[in-house]
Amino acid sequence: MIHQFKFENSNILMDIHSGSVHIVDEVTYAIAKEAVILSKEAVVEKFKGTYNTQEIEEAYDELMELKEEGMLYTQDQYETLVPAFLKREPVVKALCLHVAHDCNLKCRYCFAGEGEYHGHRGMMSLEVAKQSVDFIIENSKHRKNIEIDFFGGEPLMNWEVVKATVEYARQREKETGKNFRFTMTTNGVLLNDEIIDYLNENMYNVVLSLDGRKEVNDHMRPTANGKSSYDVILPKFKKLVEKRGGKQYYIRGTFTHHNLDFMEDVKHMNNEGFDEVSVEPVVAPSTADYAIQEDDLALLCAEYEKLARYMLEKTKKGEGFNFFHFMIDLEGGPCIHKRLAGCGSGTEYLAVTPEGDLFPCHQFVGMDEFKMGTVYEGVTNHEMRSKFEKCNVYSKEECKSCWAKFYCSGGCAANSYNFHGDIHHVYEIGCSLQKKRLECAIGLKAELL
């Protein structure tokens, strides 16, 4: 399977099953699809009115050479690995600790019902947090590196438990030989100098929630009393990043139907001093006034292209920054398991509620039918885990013939379920935007060679 597209001055030819990406000339680009199904003579005959015969022959020969080297027109070697993939031993690599099912913002698009997760508000006790640490140590088995993500609601509303959990995990590290990495997602309202210093010392990554321009952010992310959150959090985020000393972080925003010109929000955040930016499309029922609609797709794809060109110009001036969805590794890339199944929700990655219940990921929390067990008893819903273990790009009909399948790994299981009632489906709007992002990411790399 091949995929080809143009970006700026680059003609790009992708071989999906080998992972090879080629930058080619106009003639090679033009004949690429026909070369694999027609003879050299037939290709020359078809294109001789457009290109020089010698150029066509040379391009054809180069394509056939790449085919012989296993870098073009390769067959799918991954599907045969699925049976072995399905027999893999369940190993939990990461937990998302919902330390606070409460929030001090009132975000209109919050999938968690403004911190309530389809149920009552609550705070995780230290007892549950410690048991979660013990659970991942036991269920990570042979794995040394494990991760805990502090999440909410707003996790800073349960700050003392966060600190005590880190302290307990560090103690257990010494006893077990494990290595914990901590991350936190915060809206920043409760940040102060003490908390900033602690996060910068102890968190491997910090995700800072901001939607961009003041009017955009405050429209969707007001405080609980309806006031501006932008003016409160922006100075705090700047201070945190300034003091972070180069450690990982990113500003994470959401764009909606109301700000389809989201590139302006990316530019705004970069101009405010943030060079690690993620702005992602909202996922919401089509009936919501802020939901991305199919009619928005052409505008959004054009916006991604505008953003890629803007980033190209900035990089050439020595002013480059990272946009999360344009970050792609074309050399090493993810392991085979990640290519097939993505985030590992329901198997390698689990979410823990304040009460200690286990769910496949943070987006399934509160859906009782997806409860998988508890941190005390472990995973007891083996049927549910089996469903997630079997979820991969070959279990989804739409993915099998898609050129982007090994880059997106089938997309988000929660989005598939929320829109189609089946984790073995796809979220079509998300697919369209993901493919455009991938083209822009690869195009950027091609232009910067």
Protein backbone atom coordinates (compact mmCIF):
# COMPACT_ATOMS: atom_id res chain seq x y z
CA MET A 1 0.00 0.00 0.00
CA ILE A 2 1.30 3.45 -0.88
CA HIS A 3 0.09 6.94 -0.12
CA GLN A 4 1.23 10.05 -1.91
CA PHE A 5 0.70 13.76 -1.36
CA LYS A 6 2.35 17.11 -1.93
CA PHE A 7 3.45 19.66 0.64
CA GLU A 8 5.04 22.92 -0.45
CA ASN A 9 7.95 21.90 -2.72
CA SER A 10 7.99 18.23 -1.71
CA ASN A 11 6.44 15.29 -3.56
CA ILE A 12 6.04 12.61 -0.90
CA LEU A 13 5.58 8.91 -1.45
CA MET A 14 4.85 6.72 1.57
CA ASP A 15 5.10 2.94 1.69
CA ILE A 16 2.72 2.00 4.49
CA HIS A 17 3.83 -1.50 5.39
CA SER A 18 7.59 -0.87 5.41
CA GLY A 19 7.28 2.59 6.95
CA SER A 20 9.49 4.10 4.24
CA VAL A 21 8.94 7.71 3.21
CA HIS A 22 10.40 8.98 -0.07
CA ILE A 23 10.77 12.48 -1.45
CA VAL A 24 10.64 12.15 -5.23
CA ASP A 25 10.68 14.24 -8.39
CA GLU A 26 7.60 15.13 -10.44
CA VAL A 27 7.95 12.25 -12.90
CA THR A 28 8.37 9.59 -10.21
CA TYR A 29 5.44 11.04 -8.28
CA ALA A 30 3.22 11.01 -11.36
CA ILE A 31 3.88 7.38 -12.34
CA ALA A 32 4.13 5.82 -8.88
CA LYS A 33 0.68 4.21 -8.76
CA GLU A 34 0.78 2.95 -12.36
CA ALA A 35 4.33 1.57 -12.14
CA VAL A 36 3.30 -1.30 -9.89
CA ILE A 37 0.46 -2.47 -12.15
CA LEU A 38 1.72 -1.64 -15.67
CA SER A 39 4.80 -2.65 -17.63
CA LYS A 40 7.56 -0.13 -18.28
CA GLU A 41 6.39 0.16 -21.90
CA ALA A 42 2.79 0.79 -20.85
CA VAL A 43 3.88 3.46 -18.36
CA VAL A 44 5.98 5.21 -21.01
CA GLU A 45 3.09 5.12 -23.44
CA LYS A 46 0.67 6.59 -20.90
CA PHE A 47 2.91 9.50 -19.81
CA LYS A 48 5.02 10.28 -22.90
CA GLY A 49 2.80 13.20 -23.80
CA THR A 50 3.66 14.86 -20.46
CA TYR A 51 7.24 13.81 -19.70
CA ASN A 52 10.42 12.91 -21.55
CA THR A 53 10.67 9.19 -22.34
CA GLN A 54 14.12 8.84 -20.76
CA GLU A 55 12.90 10.53 -17.57
CA ILE A 56 9.94 8.14 -17.38
CA GLU A 57 12.16 5.09 -17.86
CA GLU A 58 14.64 6.25 -15.22
CA ALA A 59 11.84 6.97 -12.76
CA TYR A 60 10.29 3.56 -13.42
CA ASP A 61 13.62 1.82 -12.85
CA GLU A 62 14.14 3.67 -9.57
CA LEU A 63 10.69 2.64 -8.36
CA MET A 64 11.35 -0.99 -9.23
CA GLU A 65 14.69 -0.83 -7.43
CA LEU A 66 12.96 0.44 -4.30
CA LYS A 67 10.47 -2.40 -4.63
CA GLU A 68 13.29 -4.96 -4.81
CA GLU A 69 14.88 -3.43 -1.71
CA GLY A 70 11.63 -3.79 0.24
CA MET A 71 11.08 -0.06 0.53
CA LEU A 72 8.10 0.37 -1.79
CA TYR A 73 4.99 -1.61 -2.75
CA THR A 74 5.59 -3.95 0.19
CA GLN A 75 3.06 -6.49 1.42
CA ASP A 76 1.42 -6.33 4.83
CA GLN A 77 3.61 -8.26 7.24
CA TYR A 78 1.78 -7.12 10.37
CA GLU A 79 -1.54 -8.93 10.12
CA THR A 80 0.18 -12.28 10.57
CA LEU A 81 1.51 -11.02 13.92
CA VAL A 82 -1.96 -10.43 15.36
CA PRO A 83 -2.42 -13.97 16.81
CA ALA A 84 0.82 -13.64 18.80
CA PHE A 85 -0.12 -10.09 19.75
CA LEU A 86 -3.42 -11.32 21.19
CA LYS A 87 -1.62 -13.85 23.39
CA ARG A 88 0.54 -11.22 25.10
CA GLU A 89 0.62 -11.20 28.89
CA PRO A 90 -1.38 -8.31 30.41
CA VAL A 91 1.08 -5.81 31.90
CA VAL A 92 -0.11 -2.52 33.41
CA LYS A 93 2.32 0.25 32.50
CA ALA A 94 0.39 3.34 33.60
CA LEU A 95 -2.41 4.43 35.90
CA CYS A 96 -4.49 7.58 35.65
CA LEU A 97 -5.34 8.52 39.23
CA HIS A 98 -8.53 10.56 39.49
CA VAL A 99 -7.52 12.17 42.73
CA ALA A 100 -10.33 14.74 42.50
CA HIS A 101 -13.77 14.35 41.00
CA ASP A 102 -14.38 18.02 41.46
CA CYS A 103 -13.28 21.14 39.62
CA ASN A 104 -13.03 24.90 40.06
CA LEU A 105 -13.73 25.58 36.39
CA LYS A 106 -16.95 25.02 34.51
CA CYS A 107 -15.72 24.01 31.06
CA ARG A 108 -18.59 23.64 28.62
CA TYR A 109 -17.06 20.68 26.76
CA CYS A 110 -15.92 18.73 29.84
CA PHE A 111 -16.43 15.01 29.12
CA ALA A 112 -16.36 14.46 32.87
CA GLY A 113 -19.47 16.54 33.56
CA GLU A 114 -17.46 19.38 35.14
CA GLY A 115 -15.52 16.96 37.29
CA GLU A 116 -18.37 14.70 38.38
CA TYR A 117 -17.89 11.79 35.96
CA HIS A 118 -21.57 10.92 35.68
CA GLY A 119 -21.77 10.57 39.46
CA HIS A 120 -21.11 12.34 42.71
CA ARG A 121 -18.18 14.58 43.49
CA GLY A 122 -15.41 13.06 45.53
CA MET A 123 -11.75 13.13 46.57
CA MET A 124 -9.41 10.17 46.55
CA SER A 125 -8.21 9.16 49.98
CA LEU A 126 -4.53 8.49 50.65
CA GLU A 127 -5.46 4.88 51.39
CA VAL A 128 -6.83 4.40 47.86
CA ALA A 129 -3.86 6.23 46.35
CA LYS A 130 -1.38 4.01 48.19
CA GLN A 131 -3.28 0.90 47.15
CA SER A 132 -3.11 2.16 43.56
CA VAL A 133 0.66 2.40 43.84
CA ASP A 134 0.78 -1.17 45.19
CA PHE A 135 -1.55 -2.33 42.41
CA ILE A 136 0.62 -1.03 39.58
CA ILE A 137 3.79 -2.37 41.18
CA GLU A 138 2.26 -5.84 41.29
CA ASN A 139 0.58 -5.71 37.88
CA SER A 140 3.49 -4.17 36.01
CA LYS A 141 5.24 -7.53 36.58
CA HIS A 142 8.69 -7.55 34.94
CA ARG A 143 8.47 -3.93 33.78
CA LYS A 144 10.79 -1.51 35.59
CA ASN A 145 9.47 1.87 34.36
CA ILE A 146 5.88 2.68 35.31
CA GLU A 147 3.82 5.85 35.24
CA ILE A 148 1.18 7.54 37.35
CA ASP A 149 -0.82 10.43 35.94
CA PHE A 150 -2.56 12.74 38.41
CA PHE A 151 -5.87 13.74 36.89
CA GLY A 152 -9.27 15.14 37.78
CA GLY A 153 -11.48 17.14 37.77
CA GLU A 154 -8.70 19.32 39.03
CA PRO A 155 -6.00 17.30 40.90
CA LEU A 156 -4.65 20.33 42.77
CA MET A 157 -7.89 20.34 44.75
CA ASN A 158 -6.50 17.24 46.49
CA TRP A 159 -2.92 18.46 46.74
CA GLU A 160 -1.92 16.84 50.02
CA VAL A 161 -2.85 13.40 48.70
CA VAL A 162 -0.84 14.03 45.52
CA LYS A 163 2.28 14.82 47.55
CA ALA A 164 1.79 11.89 49.91
CA THR A 165 1.28 9.53 46.96
CA VAL A 166 4.57 10.62 45.40
CA GLU A 167 6.34 10.14 48.73
CA TYR A 168 4.87 6.66 49.14
CA ALA A 169 5.79 5.65 45.58
CA ARG A 170 9.38 6.82 46.10
CA GLN A 171 9.55 4.64 49.20
CA ARG A 172 8.18 1.65 47.27
CA GLU A 173 10.70 2.29 44.49
CA LYS A 174 13.54 1.52 46.89
CA GLU A 175 11.82 -1.65 48.04
CA THR A 176 10.91 -3.01 44.59
CA GLY A 177 13.43 -1.62 42.11
CA LYS A 178 10.67 0.04 40.11
CA ASN A 179 11.04 3.51 38.60
CA PHE A 180 8.00 5.81 38.78
CA ARG A 181 7.37 8.70 36.41
CA PHE A 182 4.69 11.16 37.45
CA THR A 183 2.67 13.53 35.32
CA MET A 184 -0.11 15.97 36.12
CA THR A 185 -2.83 17.70 34.12
CA THR A 186 -3.95 20.96 35.74
CA ASN A 187 -6.07 23.99 34.91
CA GLY A 188 -3.64 26.10 36.96
CA VAL A 189 -6.13 27.99 39.11
CA LEU A 190 -4.58 26.80 42.39
CA LEU A 191 -0.93 27.08 41.35
CA ASN A 192 1.35 29.01 43.68
CA ASP A 193 5.11 29.23 44.14
CA GLU A 194 5.27 26.24 46.49
CA ILE A 195 3.21 24.00 44.18
CA ILE A 196 5.11 25.15 41.09
CA ASP A 197 8.43 24.26 42.69
CA TYR A 198 7.15 20.87 43.79
CA LEU A 199 5.73 20.02 40.34
CA ASN A 200 8.94 21.06 38.64
CA GLU A 201 10.96 18.88 40.96
CA ASN A 202 8.74 15.78 40.94
CA MET A 203 6.68 15.67 37.75
CA TYR A 204 8.24 14.18 34.64
CA ASN A 205 5.65 16.05 32.55
CA VAL A 206 3.06 18.71 33.30
CA VAL A 207 0.05 19.36 31.07
CA LEU A 208 -1.28 22.90 31.37
CA SER A 209 -4.84 23.47 30.16
CA LEU A 210 -5.40 26.67 28.17
CA ASP A 211 -7.44 27.10 24.99
CA GLY A 212 -5.50 30.03 23.53
CA ARG A 213 -6.72 33.58 23.07
CA LYS A 214 -8.48 35.13 26.06
CA GLU A 215 -11.88 35.35 24.35
CA VAL A 216 -11.65 31.76 23.14
CA ASN A 217 -10.47 30.35 26.46
CA ASP A 218 -12.99 32.21 28.58
CA HIS A 219 -15.92 31.33 26.33
CA MET A 220 -15.41 27.60 26.94
CA ARG A 221 -13.42 27.56 30.23
CA PRO A 222 -14.96 30.03 32.72
CA THR A 223 -14.45 29.71 36.45
CA ALA A 224 -17.13 28.06 38.55
CA ASN A 225 -18.64 31.51 39.20
CA GLY A 226 -18.62 32.40 35.50
CA LYS A 227 -15.59 34.71 35.45
CA SER A 228 -12.43 34.74 33.34
CA SER A 229 -9.95 31.94 33.97
CA TYR A 230 -7.42 33.25 31.43
CA ASP A 231 -6.29 36.20 33.53
CA VAL A 232 -5.87 33.95 36.56
CA ILE A 233 -3.89 31.11 35.01
CA LEU A 234 -1.73 32.62 32.27
CA PRO A 235 0.79 34.32 34.62
CA LYS A 236 1.01 31.14 36.69
CA PHE A 237 1.68 28.98 33.64
CA LYS A 238 4.39 31.37 32.49
CA LYS A 239 6.07 31.20 35.88
CA LEU A 240 5.90 27.40 35.98
CA VAL A 241 7.46 27.03 32.53
CA GLU A 242 10.12 29.64 33.20
CA LYS A 243 11.18 27.82 36.38
CA ARG A 244 10.88 24.35 34.84
CA GLY A 245 14.37 24.49 33.36
CA GLY A 246 13.69 22.66 30.13
CA LYS A 247 11.81 19.70 31.63
CA GLN A 248 8.86 18.32 29.68
CA TYR A 249 5.55 20.16 29.66
CA TYR A 250 2.99 21.27 27.17
CA ILE A 251 0.16 23.73 26.94
CA ARG A 252 -2.90 21.74 25.98
CA GLY A 253 -5.96 23.41 24.46
CA THR A 254 -9.19 22.35 22.77
CA PHE A 255 -10.65 24.00 19.70
CA THR A 256 -14.33 23.86 18.86
CA HIS A 257 -16.78 24.90 16.16
CA HIS A 258 -16.50 28.41 17.60
CA ASN A 259 -12.79 28.82 16.82
CA LEU A 260 -12.09 26.97 13.60
CA ASP A 261 -9.21 29.41 13.09
CA PHE A 262 -7.35 27.55 15.85
CA MET A 263 -3.98 28.40 14.31
CA GLU A 264 -4.42 31.85 15.85
CA ASP A 265 -4.65 30.20 19.26
CA VAL A 266 -1.48 28.19 18.63
CA LYS A 267 0.30 31.38 17.53
CA HIS A 268 -1.01 33.22 20.58
CA MET A 269 0.29 30.64 23.00
CA ASN A 270 3.65 30.50 21.27
CA ASN A 271 3.88 34.30 21.30
CA GLU A 272 3.19 34.20 25.05
CA GLY A 273 6.37 32.17 25.46
CA PHE A 274 5.22 28.55 25.24
CA ASP A 275 7.16 26.38 22.80
CA GLU A 276 5.40 23.07 23.55
CA VAL A 277 1.83 23.39 22.33
CA SER A 278 -1.06 20.99 21.80
CA VAL A 279 -4.43 22.17 20.51
CA GLU A 280 -6.85 19.35 19.81
CA PRO A 281 -10.34 19.15 18.30
CA VAL A 282 -13.24 18.85 20.70
CA VAL A 283 -15.09 15.55 20.62
CA ALA A 284 -18.77 16.09 21.28
CA PRO A 285 -22.22 15.01 20.03
CA SER A 286 -23.15 16.77 16.79
CA THR A 287 -26.10 18.36 18.60
CA ALA A 288 -23.78 20.48 20.78
CA ASP A 289 -23.39 24.01 19.44
CA TYR A 290 -19.60 23.80 19.84
CA ALA A 291 -19.20 20.36 18.19
CA ILE A 292 -17.01 19.89 15.13
CA GLN A 293 -19.26 19.18 12.15
CA GLU A 294 -18.45 17.38 8.89
CA ASP A 295 -18.91 20.70 7.09
CA ASP A 296 -16.02 22.08 9.19
CA LEU A 297 -13.50 19.54 7.93
CA ALA A 298 -12.33 21.39 4.82
CA LEU A 299 -11.69 24.55 6.85
CA LEU A 300 -9.87 22.63 9.57
CA CYS A 301 -7.67 20.74 7.13
CA ALA A 302 -6.74 24.04 5.50
CA GLU A 303 -5.98 25.44 8.96
CA TYR A 304 -3.57 22.58 9.69
CA GLU A 305 -1.79 23.32 6.42
CA LYS A 306 -1.57 27.02 7.32
CA LEU A 307 -0.15 26.08 10.70
CA ALA A 308 2.44 23.78 9.13
CA ARG A 309 3.57 26.56 6.76
CA TYR A 310 3.75 29.01 9.65
CA MET A 311 5.87 26.57 11.66
CA LEU A 312 8.11 26.00 8.63
CA GLU A 313 8.78 29.73 8.35
CA LYS A 314 9.45 30.03 12.09
CA THR A 315 11.83 27.07 12.08
CA LYS A 316 13.81 28.44 9.16
CA LYS A 317 14.24 31.66 11.13
CA GLY A 318 15.51 29.73 14.15
CA GLU A 319 12.29 30.37 16.06
CA GLY A 320 10.77 26.90 15.84
CA PHE A 321 8.42 25.37 18.41
CA ASN A 322 6.73 21.99 18.85
CA PHE A 323 3.12 21.31 17.99
CA PHE A 324 2.13 18.03 19.59
CA HIS A 325 0.23 16.61 16.62
CA PHE A 326 3.05 17.38 14.20
CA MET A 327 5.63 15.47 16.25
CA ILE A 328 6.41 12.21 14.48
CA ASP A 329 9.29 9.74 14.54
CA LEU A 330 9.95 8.34 11.06
CA GLU A 331 13.08 6.43 12.03
CA GLY A 332 12.47 4.48 15.22
CA GLY A 333 8.78 5.03 15.69
CA PRO A 334 6.54 3.08 18.10
CA CYS A 335 6.90 -0.64 18.77
CA ILE A 336 4.69 -3.17 17.01
CA HIS A 337 2.24 -3.28 19.93
CA LYS A 338 1.73 0.49 19.75
CA ARG A 339 1.32 0.37 15.97
CA LEU A 340 -1.42 -2.23 16.32
CA ALA A 341 -3.28 -1.07 19.43
CA GLY A 342 -2.25 2.48 20.29
CA CYS A 343 -2.64 3.75 23.85
CA GLY A 344 -3.28 0.37 25.47
CA SER A 345 -6.45 1.45 27.24
CA GLY A 346 -8.09 -1.38 29.15
CA THR A 347 -4.87 -3.39 29.19
CA GLU A 348 -1.64 -1.45 29.70
CA TYR A 349 -3.36 1.76 30.84
CA LEU A 350 -6.14 1.99 33.43
CA ALA A 351 -7.94 4.76 35.28
CA VAL A 352 -8.67 4.73 39.01
CA THR A 353 -11.65 6.54 40.55
CA PRO A 354 -11.56 8.18 43.99
CA GLU A 355 -13.22 5.04 45.36
CA GLY A 356 -10.57 2.77 43.83
CA ASP A 357 -12.59 1.40 40.91
CA LEU A 358 -10.73 0.52 37.72
CA PHE A 359 -11.85 1.63 34.26
CA PRO A 360 -10.21 1.23 30.82
CA CYS A 361 -9.26 4.92 30.68
CA HIS A 362 -10.33 8.32 32.01
CA GLN A 363 -13.01 8.70 29.32
CA PHE A 364 -14.81 5.52 30.39
CA VAL A 365 -14.90 6.47 34.07
CA GLY A 366 -18.48 6.57 35.36
CA MET A 367 -19.80 4.11 32.74
CA ASP A 368 -20.66 1.20 35.03
CA GLU A 369 -20.67 -1.33 32.20
CA PHE A 370 -16.93 -0.67 31.73
CA LYS A 371 -15.88 -1.16 35.34
CA MET A 372 -12.98 -3.63 35.31
CA GLY A 373 -12.38 -4.21 39.00
CA THR A 374 -10.77 -2.37 41.91
CA VAL A 375 -7.25 -1.60 43.07
CA TYR A 376 -7.95 -3.92 46.01
CA GLU A 377 -9.22 -6.96 44.08
CA GLY A 378 -7.41 -6.30 40.81
CA VAL A 379 -8.97 -6.77 37.37
CA THR A 380 -11.97 -9.05 37.79
CA ASN A 381 -13.92 -8.23 34.63
CA HIS A 382 -11.79 -10.42 32.37
CA GLU A 383 -14.37 -10.30 29.58
CA MET A 384 -14.02 -6.54 29.35
CA ARG A 385 -10.24 -6.71 29.39
CA SER A 386 -10.38 -9.31 26.64
CA LYS A 387 -12.46 -6.93 24.49
CA PHE A 388 -9.80 -4.25 24.81
CA GLU A 389 -6.97 -6.73 24.25
CA LYS A 390 -8.55 -7.68 20.92
CA CYS A 391 -9.02 -4.06 19.83
CA ASN A 392 -6.47 -3.22 17.12
CA VAL A 393 -6.23 -1.90 13.57
CA TYR A 394 -7.16 -5.31 12.17
CA SER A 395 -10.28 -5.62 14.30
CA LYS A 396 -11.62 -2.42 12.71
CA GLU A 397 -12.78 -2.82 9.11
CA GLU A 398 -12.27 0.86 8.38
CA CYS A 399 -8.61 0.68 9.44
CA LYS A 400 -7.50 -2.31 7.39
CA SER A 401 -7.28 -0.37 4.13
CA CYS A 402 -6.30 3.00 5.64
CA TRP A 403 -2.83 4.38 4.93
CA ALA A 404 -2.64 6.02 8.36
CA LYS A 405 -3.38 2.91 10.44
CA PHE A 406 0.14 2.40 11.83
CA TYR A 407 0.45 6.05 12.81
CA CYS A 408 -2.87 6.50 14.63
CA SER A 409 -3.24 2.82 15.66
CA GLY A 410 -6.98 2.91 15.13
CA GLY A 411 -7.77 6.06 17.06
CA CYS A 412 -9.47 6.48 20.40
CA ALA A 413 -11.57 3.56 21.69
CA ALA A 414 -13.73 5.89 23.81
CA ASN A 415 -14.56 8.09 20.82
CA SER A 416 -15.49 5.00 18.79
CA TYR A 417 -17.76 3.80 21.57
CA ASN A 418 -19.39 7.17 22.19
CA PHE A 419 -20.26 7.65 18.52
CA HIS A 420 -21.03 4.09 17.47
CA GLY A 421 -21.47 2.02 20.63
CA ASP A 422 -18.51 -0.18 19.67
CA ILE A 423 -14.80 0.16 20.48
CA HIS A 424 -14.04 -1.76 17.27
CA HIS A 425 -15.29 1.14 15.16
CA VAL A 426 -13.79 4.52 14.29
CA TYR A 427 -14.69 8.16 14.85
CA GLU A 428 -14.81 9.44 11.27
CA ILE A 429 -14.23 13.15 11.93
CA GLY A 430 -11.24 12.26 14.06
CA CYS A 431 -9.88 10.04 11.26
CA SER A 432 -10.07 12.84 8.69
CA LEU A 433 -8.25 15.30 10.92
CA GLN A 434 -5.64 12.75 11.97
CA LYS A 435 -4.73 12.02 8.35
CA LYS A 436 -4.31 15.69 7.57
CA ARG A 437 -2.13 16.17 10.65
CA LEU A 438 0.09 13.29 9.57
CA GLU A 439 0.53 14.73 6.10
CA CYS A 440 1.47 18.08 7.58
CA ALA A 441 3.90 16.49 10.04
CA ILE A 442 5.65 14.47 7.33
CA GLY A 443 5.57 17.41 4.93
CA LEU A 444 7.29 19.60 7.52
CA LYS A 445 10.08 17.06 7.95
CA ALA A 446 10.50 16.80 4.18
CA GLU A 447 10.82 20.56 3.75
CA LEU A 448 13.37 20.85 6.56
CA LEU A 449 15.77 18.23 5.16
